[in-house]
Every structure is written in structure tokens, then in C-alpha cells.
N, C-alpha and C. Protein backbone atom coordinates (compact mmCIF):
# COMPACT_ATOMS: atom_id res chain seq x y z
N MET A 1 0.80 -1.35 -0.08
CA MET A 1 0.04 0.01 -0.01
C MET A 1 0.93 0.98 0.42
N SER A 2 0.65 2.08 -0.52
CA SER A 2 1.13 3.60 -1.02
C SER A 2 1.26 4.06 -0.05
N SER A 3 1.91 5.32 0.33
CA SER A 3 1.94 6.44 1.10
C SER A 3 0.46 7.27 1.24
N PRO A 4 -0.05 7.74 1.99
CA PRO A 4 -0.90 9.12 1.46
C PRO A 4 0.08 10.10 0.49
N ARG A 5 -0.50 10.60 -0.49
CA ARG A 5 0.51 12.24 -1.07
C ARG A 5 -0.09 12.93 0.13
N GLN A 6 0.94 14.10 0.43
CA GLN A 6 0.71 15.21 1.68
C GLN A 6 1.56 16.31 0.92
N VAL A 7 1.44 17.79 0.68
CA VAL A 7 1.18 18.52 0.30
C VAL A 7 1.99 19.52 1.71
N LEU A 8 3.11 20.10 2.31
CA LEU A 8 3.37 20.39 3.62
C LEU A 8 3.58 21.71 2.92
N VAL A 9 3.53 22.83 3.67
CA VAL A 9 2.99 24.07 3.65
C VAL A 9 3.40 25.07 4.34
N CYS A 10 5.16 25.59 4.72
CA CYS A 10 5.57 25.98 5.44
C CYS A 10 5.00 27.49 6.03
N GLN A 11 4.57 27.03 7.56
CA GLN A 11 3.75 28.30 8.04
C GLN A 11 4.50 28.67 9.32
N TYR A 12 5.89 28.84 9.13
CA TYR A 12 6.66 29.27 9.86
C TYR A 12 7.05 30.85 9.20
N VAL A 13 7.91 31.75 10.70
CA VAL A 13 8.13 33.03 10.46
C VAL A 13 8.29 33.45 9.48
N ASN A 14 9.50 33.05 8.46
CA ASN A 14 9.63 34.00 7.27
C ASN A 14 8.85 33.50 6.25
N CYS A 15 8.02 31.91 6.21
CA CYS A 15 7.70 31.77 4.92
C CYS A 15 6.40 32.66 5.29
N VAL A 16 5.62 32.87 6.21
CA VAL A 16 4.28 33.35 6.57
C VAL A 16 4.90 35.17 6.52
N ALA A 17 5.42 35.62 6.72
CA ALA A 17 6.24 36.79 6.39
C ALA A 17 5.90 37.04 4.74
N ASN A 18 6.45 36.25 3.74
CA ASN A 18 6.37 35.89 2.65
C ASN A 18 5.23 35.08 1.62
N GLY A 19 4.47 35.61 2.58
CA GLY A 19 3.03 34.90 1.99
C GLY A 19 2.47 33.31 1.89
N GLY A 20 3.08 32.91 3.16
CA GLY A 20 2.88 31.19 3.11
C GLY A 20 1.52 30.69 3.42
N ALA A 21 0.68 31.83 4.47
CA ALA A 21 -0.45 31.97 4.51
C ALA A 21 -1.01 31.45 3.45
N ALA A 22 -1.16 32.93 2.59
CA ALA A 22 -1.80 32.82 0.87
C ALA A 22 -1.78 31.68 0.35
N VAL A 23 -0.13 30.73 0.27
CA VAL A 23 0.35 29.77 -0.73
C VAL A 23 -0.70 28.35 0.58
N LEU A 24 -0.63 28.64 1.45
CA LEU A 24 -1.70 27.14 2.28
C LEU A 24 -3.02 27.37 1.82
N GLN A 25 -3.27 28.92 1.75
CA GLN A 25 -5.47 28.84 1.47
C GLN A 25 -5.67 28.79 0.15
N ALA A 26 -4.86 28.70 -0.92
CA ALA A 26 -5.01 28.62 -2.32
C ALA A 26 -4.78 27.27 -2.15
N PHE A 27 -4.13 26.05 -1.52
CA PHE A 27 -4.08 24.84 -1.58
C PHE A 27 -5.27 24.28 -0.99
N GLU A 28 -5.66 24.97 0.10
CA GLU A 28 -7.12 24.74 0.64
C GLU A 28 -8.15 24.70 -0.47
N ALA A 29 -8.10 25.30 -0.84
CA ALA A 29 -9.56 25.95 -1.94
C ALA A 29 -9.25 25.15 -3.29
N ASN A 30 -8.07 24.60 -3.32
CA ASN A 30 -8.00 23.69 -4.61
C ASN A 30 -8.08 22.41 -4.02
N PRO A 31 -8.80 21.46 -3.80
CA PRO A 31 -8.67 19.76 -2.87
C PRO A 31 -8.63 19.36 -4.25
N VAL A 32 -7.76 18.08 -3.36
CA VAL A 32 -7.36 17.01 -4.71
C VAL A 32 -7.78 15.76 -3.94
N GLU A 33 -8.24 15.06 -4.30
CA GLU A 33 -8.98 13.91 -3.68
C GLU A 33 -7.57 12.72 -3.04
N GLY A 34 -7.05 12.28 -2.05
CA GLY A 34 -6.50 11.56 -2.04
C GLY A 34 -4.91 12.27 -1.40
N VAL A 35 -5.22 13.48 -1.45
CA VAL A 35 -4.49 14.67 -1.21
C VAL A 35 -4.45 15.47 0.01
N GLU A 36 -3.41 15.30 1.36
CA GLU A 36 -3.89 16.17 2.25
C GLU A 36 -3.46 17.20 2.36
N ILE A 37 -3.30 18.50 2.55
CA ILE A 37 -2.75 20.00 2.97
C ILE A 37 -2.63 19.88 4.31
N ILE A 38 -1.04 20.16 4.77
CA ILE A 38 -0.89 20.60 6.03
C ILE A 38 -0.01 21.37 6.36
N ALA A 39 -0.46 22.11 7.05
CA ALA A 39 -0.05 23.20 7.81
C ALA A 39 1.43 23.12 8.88
N ALA A 40 2.78 23.30 8.11
CA ALA A 40 3.81 22.53 8.25
C ALA A 40 4.56 23.62 9.43
N GLU A 41 5.60 23.00 10.12
CA GLU A 41 6.29 23.78 10.83
C GLU A 41 7.43 24.39 10.44
N CYS A 42 8.64 24.76 10.36
CA CYS A 42 9.56 25.28 9.58
C CYS A 42 9.73 24.15 9.17
N GLN A 43 10.31 24.20 7.85
CA GLN A 43 11.06 23.38 7.04
C GLN A 43 12.52 23.10 6.72
N GLY A 44 13.08 24.14 7.76
CA GLY A 44 14.51 24.37 7.20
C GLY A 44 15.16 25.40 6.51
N GLN A 45 14.53 25.79 4.78
CA GLN A 45 14.57 26.12 4.16
C GLN A 45 14.21 27.86 4.24
N CYS A 46 14.36 28.20 5.32
CA CYS A 46 13.54 30.09 5.41
C CYS A 46 14.49 30.86 4.41
N SER A 47 15.37 30.73 3.99
CA SER A 47 15.89 31.92 2.53
C SER A 47 14.90 31.45 1.41
N LEU A 48 14.43 30.09 1.03
CA LEU A 48 13.97 30.48 -0.02
C LEU A 48 12.29 30.15 0.29
N GLY A 49 11.75 30.39 0.90
CA GLY A 49 10.13 30.45 1.06
C GLY A 49 9.37 31.25 0.82
N PRO A 50 8.17 31.17 0.29
CA PRO A 50 7.57 30.55 0.92
C PRO A 50 7.94 28.53 0.08
N THR A 51 8.17 27.82 1.27
CA THR A 51 8.52 26.13 1.38
C THR A 51 7.23 25.22 0.48
N VAL A 52 7.54 24.81 -0.52
CA VAL A 52 6.12 23.83 -0.34
C VAL A 52 7.00 22.22 -0.87
N ARG A 53 6.26 21.16 -0.13
CA ARG A 53 7.35 19.79 0.01
C ARG A 53 6.13 18.74 -0.55
N VAL A 54 6.12 18.14 -1.27
CA VAL A 54 5.21 16.68 -1.66
C VAL A 54 5.63 16.04 -1.32
N LEU A 55 4.92 15.18 -0.35
CA LEU A 55 5.18 13.65 -0.14
C LEU A 55 4.85 12.82 -0.36
N PRO A 56 4.35 11.40 -0.76
CA PRO A 56 5.71 10.67 -0.59
C PRO A 56 6.80 11.01 -1.24
N ASP A 57 6.58 11.80 -2.48
CA ASP A 57 7.38 12.22 -3.73
C ASP A 57 8.92 12.97 -3.09
N GLU A 58 8.93 13.40 -1.90
CA GLU A 58 10.21 14.11 -1.81
C GLU A 58 10.71 15.51 -2.60
N ILE A 59 9.54 16.26 -3.27
CA ILE A 59 9.45 16.90 -4.29
C ILE A 59 9.58 18.75 -3.46
N TRP A 60 10.50 19.32 -3.37
CA TRP A 60 9.97 20.48 -3.25
C TRP A 60 10.49 21.78 -3.70
N TYR A 61 9.09 22.66 -3.73
CA TYR A 61 8.86 23.62 -3.93
C TYR A 61 9.88 24.86 -3.32
N CYS A 62 10.72 26.17 -4.06
CA CYS A 62 10.68 26.97 -2.88
C CYS A 62 9.97 28.68 -4.16
N ARG A 63 10.01 29.58 -2.78
CA ARG A 63 9.63 30.76 -3.24
C ARG A 63 7.65 30.77 -4.08
N ILE A 64 7.31 30.28 -2.91
CA ILE A 64 5.92 29.83 -3.94
C ILE A 64 5.04 30.83 -3.55
N LYS A 65 4.20 31.55 -4.88
CA LYS A 65 3.02 32.19 -4.74
C LYS A 65 1.45 31.74 -4.37
N SER A 66 0.44 31.98 -4.33
CA SER A 66 -0.32 31.80 -4.48
C SER A 66 -0.94 31.44 -5.48
N GLU A 67 -0.37 32.14 -7.11
CA GLU A 67 -0.86 32.22 -7.88
C GLU A 67 0.03 30.81 -8.30
N ASP A 68 0.90 30.99 -7.95
CA ASP A 68 1.70 29.25 -8.29
C ASP A 68 0.87 27.93 -8.10
N VAL A 69 -0.06 27.96 -7.09
CA VAL A 69 -0.88 26.79 -6.24
C VAL A 69 -0.98 26.32 -7.23
N PRO A 70 -2.24 26.39 -8.50
CA PRO A 70 -3.09 25.81 -9.48
C PRO A 70 -2.09 25.16 -10.83
N LEU A 71 -1.28 25.74 -11.14
CA LEU A 71 -0.29 24.33 -11.81
C LEU A 71 0.61 23.84 -10.93
N ILE A 72 0.97 23.98 -9.33
CA ILE A 72 1.18 22.75 -8.90
C ILE A 72 -0.19 21.64 -8.78
N VAL A 73 -0.92 22.73 -8.30
CA VAL A 73 -2.28 21.40 -8.28
C VAL A 73 -2.26 20.76 -9.93
N ASN A 74 -2.39 20.79 -11.19
CA ASN A 74 -2.79 20.92 -11.69
C ASN A 74 -1.73 19.72 -12.72
N GLN A 75 -0.31 20.18 -12.94
CA GLN A 75 0.58 19.42 -12.93
C GLN A 75 1.18 18.59 -11.76
N HIS A 76 1.34 18.53 -11.18
CA HIS A 76 1.99 17.59 -10.32
C HIS A 76 0.95 16.94 -9.50
N LEU A 77 0.34 17.65 -9.21
CA LEU A 77 -0.40 16.56 -8.11
C LEU A 77 -1.72 15.46 -8.84
N LYS A 78 -1.93 16.11 -10.03
CA LYS A 78 -2.94 15.46 -10.55
C LYS A 78 -2.52 14.83 -12.04
N GLN A 79 -1.26 15.42 -12.81
CA GLN A 79 -0.82 14.56 -13.76
C GLN A 79 0.28 13.62 -13.33
N GLY A 80 0.91 14.23 -11.98
CA GLY A 80 2.28 13.48 -11.84
C GLY A 80 3.76 13.74 -12.41
N GLN A 81 3.39 15.15 -12.92
CA GLN A 81 4.93 15.86 -13.72
C GLN A 81 5.12 17.48 -12.87
N VAL A 82 6.10 17.13 -12.31
CA VAL A 82 7.03 18.38 -11.56
C VAL A 82 6.88 19.59 -12.21
N VAL A 83 6.58 20.56 -11.55
CA VAL A 83 6.95 21.94 -12.10
C VAL A 83 8.11 22.23 -12.03
N LYS A 84 9.09 22.01 -12.84
CA LYS A 84 10.73 22.29 -13.05
C LYS A 84 10.89 23.81 -12.31
N PRO A 85 9.92 24.76 -13.25
CA PRO A 85 10.49 26.39 -12.81
C PRO A 85 10.41 26.58 -11.18
N LEU A 86 10.13 25.96 -10.24
CA LEU A 86 9.61 26.29 -9.21
C LEU A 86 10.23 25.06 -8.25
N LEU A 87 11.05 24.31 -8.90
CA LEU A 87 11.25 23.34 -7.70
C LEU A 87 12.72 23.93 -6.53
N HIS A 88 12.82 23.68 -6.04
CA HIS A 88 14.71 23.97 -5.30
C HIS A 88 15.39 23.76 -5.50
N PRO A 89 16.16 24.77 -5.48
CA PRO A 89 17.70 23.96 -6.70
C PRO A 89 18.55 23.39 -5.68
N ARG A 90 18.36 23.66 -4.47
CA ARG A 90 19.46 22.84 -3.48
C ARG A 90 19.25 21.35 -3.61
N MET A 91 17.91 21.24 -3.99
CA MET A 91 17.37 19.91 -3.39
C MET A 91 17.10 19.13 -4.50
N HIS A 92 17.04 19.69 -5.72
CA HIS A 92 17.09 19.14 -7.15
C HIS A 92 17.85 19.67 -7.70
N PRO A 93 19.17 19.40 -7.80
CA PRO A 93 20.08 20.03 -8.82
C PRO A 93 19.86 19.12 -9.56
N HIS A 94 19.48 18.37 -10.58
CA HIS A 94 19.97 17.79 -11.53
C HIS A 94 18.40 17.73 -12.59
N PHE A 95 17.02 18.21 -12.06
CA PHE A 95 16.33 18.69 -12.59
C PHE A 95 16.52 19.81 -14.35
């Protein structure tokens, strides 16, 4: 049995200061069956926030804005293809 898919949206100080709460609201407004949206604690990537991490895929997105969320939802969560321009460069240097 595969792990349930989760989207962790950082809600720690720096990410919230850069729009993390709006990103969380955008994900909650675009639900996908079988995907849990989680208001996460610090993900340790404060300089590149807001950070969004998709599990169990272990895909990290950085500097996400609420207007980026529909693209992540449609392309990654529904179609299974990462959104390369939004990937975290340190976590995914080979994409």
C-alpha cells in the first residue's frame, strides 16, 4: 500500500512573512482527492520561502506564491509531473 500524498506548506515565521498563509489557503481552495494539505512547521529552508514539500514524492518547491498553486495542483498533484521552474535548486540540482 502506498503512502498517502501530503503537501506540507511551511507556516513558520519567514515563510508566512513572504506569503505562506496565502499559499496554504490556495492549496485548501484547490482540493485534490487523496491529497492532504498540512500547515507545516519550519522546513529548514527559510531563505527560499514559502516552501512547499510534496510527500511521498519528496519534491520541494520554493518561493511559492498563491498564484503558483493551481499549476502545482494541476501539473504535479493531478498529472504526476513536477513543475520544474518552481523546484528548489538545492534539493533538485539535476532537474
